């Protein structure tokens, strides 16, 4: 039974890691991507305008 208790933590961590990666991949694209791109474009435009003023 010691081998079972030794294998459980790595197995649990592997499953959690796979779920995390899957969540990250699924959250990319779609409506979220358009919002994120718009936010980044706005920040870059503000930074560019501030750089041109100085």
C-alpha atoms as a PDB file:
ATOM      1  CA  UNK A   1       0.000   0.000   0.000  1.00  0.00           C
ATOM      2  CA  UNK A   2       2.957   2.333   0.358  1.00  0.00           C
ATOM      3  CA  UNK A   3       3.311   2.497  -3.421  1.00  0.00           C
ATOM      4  CA  UNK A   4      -0.284   3.742  -3.714  1.00  0.00           C
ATOM      5  CA  UNK A   5       0.320   6.600  -1.264  1.00  0.00           C
ATOM      6  CA  UNK A   6       3.540   7.425  -3.133  1.00  0.00           C
ATOM      7  CA  UNK A   7       1.788   7.597  -6.525  1.00  0.00           C
ATOM      8  CA  UNK A   8      -1.331   9.529  -5.520  1.00  0.00           C
ATOM      9  CA  UNK A   9       0.204  13.039  -5.113  1.00  0.00           C
ATOM     10  CA  UNK A  10       1.952  13.067  -8.531  1.00  0.00           C
ATOM     11  CA  UNK A  11      -1.188  11.691 -10.181  1.00  0.00           C
ATOM     12  CA  UNK A  12      -3.372  14.354  -8.548  1.00  0.00           C
ATOM     13  CA  UNK A  13      -0.935  17.105  -9.547  1.00  0.00           C
ATOM     14  CA  UNK A  14      -0.864  15.816 -13.137  1.00  0.00           C
ATOM     15  CA  UNK A  15      -4.659  15.836 -13.348  1.00  0.00           C
ATOM     16  CA  UNK A  16      -4.853  19.360 -11.899  1.00  0.00           C
ATOM     17  CA  UNK A  17      -2.168  20.572 -14.308  1.00  0.00           C
ATOM     18  CA  UNK A  18      -4.045  19.106 -17.287  1.00  0.00           C
ATOM     19  CA  UNK A  19      -7.262  20.787 -16.130  1.00  0.00           C
ATOM     20  CA  UNK A  20      -5.441  24.111 -15.719  1.00  0.00           C
ATOM     21  CA  UNK A  21      -3.943  23.944 -19.215  1.00  0.00           C
ATOM     22  CA  UNK A  22      -7.311  22.949 -20.658  1.00  0.00           C
ATOM     23  CA  UNK A  23      -9.000  25.918 -18.965  1.00  0.00           C
ATOM     24  CA  UNK A  24      -6.349  28.319 -20.261  1.00  0.00           C
ATOM     25  CA  UNK A  25      -6.656  26.990 -23.805  1.00  0.00           C
ATOM     26  CA  UNK A  26     -10.459  27.146 -23.754  1.00  0.00           C
ATOM     27  CA  UNK A  27     -10.442  30.740 -22.493  1.00  0.00           C
ATOM     28  CA  UNK A  28      -8.394  31.864 -25.496  1.00  0.00           C
ATOM     29  CA  UNK A  29     -10.274  33.195 -28.484  1.00  0.00           C
ATOM     30  CA  UNK A  30     -13.931  34.015 -28.984  1.00  0.00           C
ATOM     31  CA  UNK A  31     -15.540  37.045 -27.366  1.00  0.00           C
ATOM     32  CA  UNK A  32     -12.841  37.178 -24.682  1.00  0.00           C
ATOM     33  CA  UNK A  33     -10.138  37.550 -27.310  1.00  0.00           C
ATOM     34  CA  UNK A  34     -11.840  40.561 -28.881  1.00  0.00           C
ATOM     35  CA  UNK A  35     -12.171  42.265 -25.482  1.00  0.00           C
ATOM     36  CA  UNK A  36      -8.570  41.527 -24.544  1.00  0.00           C
ATOM     37  CA  UNK A  37      -7.290  42.753 -27.905  1.00  0.00           C
ATOM     38  CA  UNK A  38      -9.296  45.969 -27.591  1.00  0.00           C
ATOM     39  CA  UNK A  39      -7.925  46.595 -24.093  1.00  0.00           C
ATOM     40  CA  UNK A  40      -4.333  46.033 -25.234  1.00  0.00           C
ATOM     41  CA  UNK A  41      -4.833  48.280 -28.267  1.00  0.00           C
ATOM     42  CA  UNK A  42      -6.171  51.052 -26.013  1.00  0.00           C
ATOM     43  CA  UNK A  43      -3.200  50.785 -23.659  1.00  0.00           C
ATOM     44  CA  UNK A  44      -0.744  50.838 -26.547  1.00  0.00           C
ATOM     45  CA  UNK A  45      -2.489  53.832 -28.121  1.00  0.00           C
ATOM     46  CA  UNK A  46      -2.325  55.753 -24.822  1.00  0.00           C
ATOM     47  CA  UNK A  47       1.351  54.907 -24.387  1.00  0.00           C
ATOM     48  CA  UNK A  48       2.101  55.969 -27.962  1.00  0.00           C
ATOM     49  CA  UNK A  49       0.215  59.260 -27.523  1.00  0.00           C
ATOM     50  CA  UNK A  50       2.079  59.991 -24.284  1.00  0.00           C
ATOM     51  CA  UNK A  51       5.400  59.233 -25.952  1.00  0.00           C
ATOM     52  CA  UNK A  52       4.635  61.563 -28.863  1.00  0.00           C
ATOM     53  CA  UNK A  53       3.637  64.427 -26.544  1.00  0.00           C
ATOM     54  CA  UNK A  54       6.940  64.338 -24.665  1.00  0.00           C
END
